[in-house]
Amino acid sequence: QVQLVESGGGLVQAGGSLRLSCVAPGRTFSPNAMGWFRQAPGKEREFVAAISWSGGSTDYADSVKGRFTISRDSAKDTVDLQMNSLKPEDTAVYYCARRYGGSWYNPSSTYWGRGTQVTVSS
């Protein structure tokens, strides 16, 4: 079982910045990719950003392109999400995910953190 621990959430005004971090405590195998998802009240969980573990290629949801940056530190086994120019619609619980298979939605090969709250006030 892989545990993931997120940190860095909080309350920020619109236009501000936050940096989320995710660490996998203990010894784990390198994943295929790590990513961030978010879930706002009354909405389904949605993809935000992902990074491949070997090559470092990145992917972003259209809604965050140009504002969010995902990065990873393979040596420390961490992944960060730098969020700039935050908007009230970015308010959500943000989840870190670690994928070993081909799909984020395969429960047998993707692990999730418990989430960290991000609230953006207008």
C-alpha atoms as a PDB file:
ATOM      1  CA  GLN A   1       0.000   0.000   0.000  1.00  0.00           C
ATOM      2  CA  VAL A   2       1.318   3.433  -0.950  1.00  0.00           C
ATOM      3  CA  GLN A   3       0.575   6.368   1.317  1.00  0.00           C
ATOM      4  CA  LEU A   4       0.514   9.917   0.010  1.00  0.00           C
ATOM      5  CA  VAL A   5       0.536  13.012   2.182  1.00  0.00           C
ATOM      6  CA  GLU A   6      -0.435  16.418   0.796  1.00  0.00           C
ATOM      7  CA  SER A   7       0.382  19.784   2.318  1.00  0.00           C
ATOM      8  CA  GLY A   8       0.264  23.460   1.434  1.00  0.00           C
ATOM      9  CA  GLY A   9      -3.434  24.145   1.122  1.00  0.00           C
ATOM     10  CA  GLY A  10      -5.080  27.156   2.691  1.00  0.00           C
ATOM     11  CA  LEU A  11      -7.039  30.340   2.177  1.00  0.00           C
ATOM     12  CA  VAL A  12      -5.830  32.907  -0.339  1.00  0.00           C
ATOM     13  CA  GLN A  13      -7.293  35.911  -2.086  1.00  0.00           C
ATOM     14  CA  ALA A  14      -7.998  35.875  -5.788  1.00  0.00           C
ATOM     15  CA  GLY A  15      -4.831  36.561  -7.725  1.00  0.00           C
ATOM     16  CA  GLY A  16      -2.667  35.019  -5.042  1.00  0.00           C
ATOM     17  CA  SER A  17      -0.483  31.921  -5.061  1.00  0.00           C
ATOM     18  CA  LEU A  18      -0.174  28.648  -3.201  1.00  0.00           C
ATOM     19  CA  ARG A  19       2.212  25.737  -3.505  1.00  0.00           C
ATOM     20  CA  LEU A  20       0.999  22.224  -2.807  1.00  0.00           C
ATOM     21  CA  SER A  21       3.360  19.386  -2.012  1.00  0.00           C
ATOM     22  CA  CYS A  22       2.881  15.636  -1.965  1.00  0.00           C
ATOM     23  CA  VAL A  23       5.241  13.090  -0.459  1.00  0.00           C
ATOM     24  CA  ALA A  24       5.153   9.317  -0.376  1.00  0.00           C
ATOM     25  CA  PRO A  25       6.591   8.315   3.016  1.00  0.00           C
ATOM     26  CA  GLY A  26       8.506   5.098   3.181  1.00  0.00           C
ATOM     27  CA  ARG A  27      10.103   3.030   0.438  1.00  0.00           C
ATOM     28  CA  THR A  28       8.019   2.792  -2.722  1.00  0.00           C
ATOM     29  CA  PHE A  29       8.563   1.775  -6.314  1.00  0.00           C
ATOM     30  CA  SER A  30       8.805   4.561  -8.868  1.00  0.00           C
ATOM     31  CA  PRO A  31       5.411   5.240 -10.434  1.00  0.00           C
ATOM     32  CA  ASN A  32       4.540   5.812 -14.066  1.00  0.00           C
ATOM     33  CA  ALA A  33       3.252   9.260 -13.201  1.00  0.00           C
ATOM     34  CA  MET A  34       2.020  11.490 -10.425  1.00  0.00           C
ATOM     35  CA  GLY A  35      -0.726  14.028 -10.631  1.00  0.00           C
ATOM     36  CA  TRP A  36      -3.104  16.392  -8.956  1.00  0.00           C
ATOM     37  CA  PHE A  37      -6.866  16.260  -9.089  1.00  0.00           C
ATOM     38  CA  ARG A  38      -9.461  18.438  -7.398  1.00  0.00           C
ATOM     39  CA  GLN A  39     -13.048  18.184  -6.268  1.00  0.00           C
ATOM     40  CA  ALA A  40     -15.280  21.147  -5.581  1.00  0.00           C
ATOM     41  CA  PRO A  41     -18.471  20.825  -3.515  1.00  0.00           C
ATOM     42  CA  GLY A  42     -21.216  19.179  -5.515  1.00  0.00           C
ATOM     43  CA  LYS A  43     -18.896  18.362  -8.407  1.00  0.00           C
ATOM     44  CA  GLU A  44     -17.010  15.314  -9.571  1.00  0.00           C
ATOM     45  CA  ARG A  45     -13.285  14.953  -9.076  1.00  0.00           C
ATOM     46  CA  GLU A  46     -11.427  16.418 -12.041  1.00  0.00           C
ATOM     47  CA  PHE A  47      -7.936  16.215 -13.462  1.00  0.00           C
ATOM     48  CA  VAL A  48      -5.667  19.213 -12.848  1.00  0.00           C
ATOM     49  CA  ALA A  49      -2.108  18.277 -13.814  1.00  0.00           C
ATOM     50  CA  ALA A  50       0.202  15.303 -14.187  1.00  0.00           C
ATOM     51  CA  ILE A  51       3.877  14.584 -14.693  1.00  0.00           C
ATOM     52  CA  SER A  52       5.564  11.437 -15.942  1.00  0.00           C
ATOM     53  CA  TRP A  53       8.102  10.118 -13.501  1.00  0.00           C
ATOM     54  CA  SER A  54      10.822   9.096 -15.925  1.00  0.00           C
ATOM     55  CA  GLY A  55      10.838  11.790 -18.592  1.00  0.00           C
ATOM     56  CA  GLY A  56       9.110  14.568 -16.704  1.00  0.00           C
ATOM     57  CA  SER A  57       6.599  15.358 -19.423  1.00  0.00           C
ATOM     58  CA  THR A  58       3.622  17.314 -18.138  1.00  0.00           C
ATOM     59  CA  ASP A  59      -0.065  17.653 -18.892  1.00  0.00           C
ATOM     60  CA  TYR A  60      -2.546  20.234 -17.660  1.00  0.00           C
ATOM     61  CA  ALA A  61      -6.262  20.815 -17.680  1.00  0.00           C
ATOM     62  CA  ASP A  62      -7.176  23.710 -19.949  1.00  0.00           C
ATOM     63  CA  SER A  63      -8.583  25.608 -16.975  1.00  0.00           C
ATOM     64  CA  VAL A  64      -5.169  25.829 -15.275  1.00  0.00           C
ATOM     65  CA  LYS A  65      -2.753  26.089 -18.204  1.00  0.00           C
ATOM     66  CA  GLY A  66      -0.441  29.043 -17.836  1.00  0.00           C
ATOM     67  CA  ARG A  67      -1.273  29.428 -14.141  1.00  0.00           C
ATOM     68  CA  PHE A  68      -0.298  26.115 -12.531  1.00  0.00           C
ATOM     69  CA  THR A  69       3.022  24.291 -12.757  1.00  0.00           C
ATOM     70  CA  ILE A  70       3.626  20.710 -11.705  1.00  0.00           C
ATOM     71  CA  SER A  71       7.106  19.488 -10.822  1.00  0.00           C
ATOM     72  CA  ARG A  72       8.687  16.432  -9.273  1.00  0.00           C
ATOM     73  CA  ASP A  73      11.814  15.575  -7.340  1.00  0.00           C
ATOM     74  CA  SER A  74      12.635  11.961  -8.045  1.00  0.00           C
ATOM     75  CA  ALA A  75      15.313  11.815  -5.356  1.00  0.00           C
ATOM     76  CA  LYS A  76      12.929  13.044  -2.661  1.00  0.00           C
ATOM     77  CA  ASP A  77       9.935  11.243  -4.177  1.00  0.00           C
ATOM     78  CA  THR A  78       7.821  14.374  -4.065  1.00  0.00           C
ATOM     79  CA  VAL A  79       5.563  16.219  -6.465  1.00  0.00           C
ATOM     80  CA  ASP A  80       4.582  19.873  -6.165  1.00  0.00           C
ATOM     81  CA  LEU A  81       1.906  22.027  -7.704  1.00  0.00           C
ATOM     82  CA  GLN A  82       2.659  25.736  -7.926  1.00  0.00           C
ATOM     83  CA  MET A  83      -0.606  27.616  -8.325  1.00  0.00           C
ATOM     84  CA  ASN A  84      -0.505  31.246  -9.421  1.00  0.00           C
ATOM     85  CA  SER A  85      -3.204  33.753 -10.350  1.00  0.00           C
ATOM     86  CA  LEU A  86      -5.707  31.795  -8.342  1.00  0.00           C
ATOM     87  CA  LYS A  87      -9.397  32.273  -9.007  1.00  0.00           C
ATOM     88  CA  PRO A  88     -12.430  31.599  -6.809  1.00  0.00           C
ATOM     89  CA  GLU A  89     -13.347  28.737  -9.153  1.00  0.00           C
ATOM     90  CA  ASP A  90     -10.096  27.009  -8.161  1.00  0.00           C
ATOM     91  CA  THR A  91     -11.595  26.428  -4.720  1.00  0.00           C
ATOM     92  CA  ALA A  92     -11.650  22.686  -4.071  1.00  0.00           C
ATOM     93  CA  VAL A  93     -10.055  19.842  -2.200  1.00  0.00           C
ATOM     94  CA  TYR A  94      -6.870  18.961  -4.057  1.00  0.00           C
ATOM     95  CA  TYR A  95      -5.757  15.335  -4.177  1.00  0.00           C
ATOM     96  CA  CYS A  96      -2.368  13.911  -5.017  1.00  0.00           C
ATOM     97  CA  ALA A  97      -2.338  10.700  -7.042  1.00  0.00           C
ATOM     98  CA  ARG A  98       0.351   8.168  -7.857  1.00  0.00           C
ATOM     99  CA  ARG A  99      -0.220   5.959 -10.889  1.00  0.00           C
ATOM    100  CA  TYR A 100       1.487   2.642 -11.599  1.00  0.00           C
ATOM    101  CA  GLY A 101      -0.752   1.475 -14.413  1.00  0.00           C
ATOM    102  CA  GLY A 102      -2.180   3.038 -17.550  1.00  0.00           C
ATOM    103  CA  SER A 103      -5.221   4.725 -16.044  1.00  0.00           C
ATOM    104  CA  TRP A 104      -5.725   7.133 -13.178  1.00  0.00           C
ATOM    105  CA  TYR A 105      -9.060   5.473 -12.485  1.00  0.00           C
ATOM    106  CA  ASN A 106      -7.865   1.922 -11.896  1.00  0.00           C
ATOM    107  CA  PRO A 107      -8.141   1.449  -8.123  1.00  0.00           C
ATOM    108  CA  SER A 108      -5.673  -1.424  -8.153  1.00  0.00           C
ATOM    109  CA  SER A 109      -2.815   0.640  -9.579  1.00  0.00           C
ATOM    110  CA  THR A 110      -3.507   4.241  -8.524  1.00  0.00           C
ATOM    111  CA  TYR A 111      -3.107   5.578  -5.012  1.00  0.00           C
ATOM    112  CA  TRP A 112      -4.618   8.744  -3.581  1.00  0.00           C
ATOM    113  CA  GLY A 113      -3.868  11.115  -0.778  1.00  0.00           C
ATOM    114  CA  ARG A 114      -6.511  12.368   1.609  1.00  0.00           C
ATOM    115  CA  GLY A 115      -6.594  15.817   0.070  1.00  0.00           C
ATOM    116  CA  THR A 116      -5.851  19.365   1.100  1.00  0.00           C
ATOM    117  CA  GLN A 117      -8.331  22.222   1.021  1.00  0.00           C
ATOM    118  CA  VAL A 118      -7.678  25.234  -1.200  1.00  0.00           C
ATOM    119  CA  THR A 119     -10.025  28.178  -0.796  1.00  0.00           C
ATOM    120  CA  VAL A 120      -9.775  31.265  -2.987  1.00  0.00           C
ATOM    121  CA  SER A 121     -11.755  34.280  -1.856  1.00  0.00           C
ATOM    122  CA  SER A 122     -12.988  36.927  -4.260  1.00  0.00           C
END
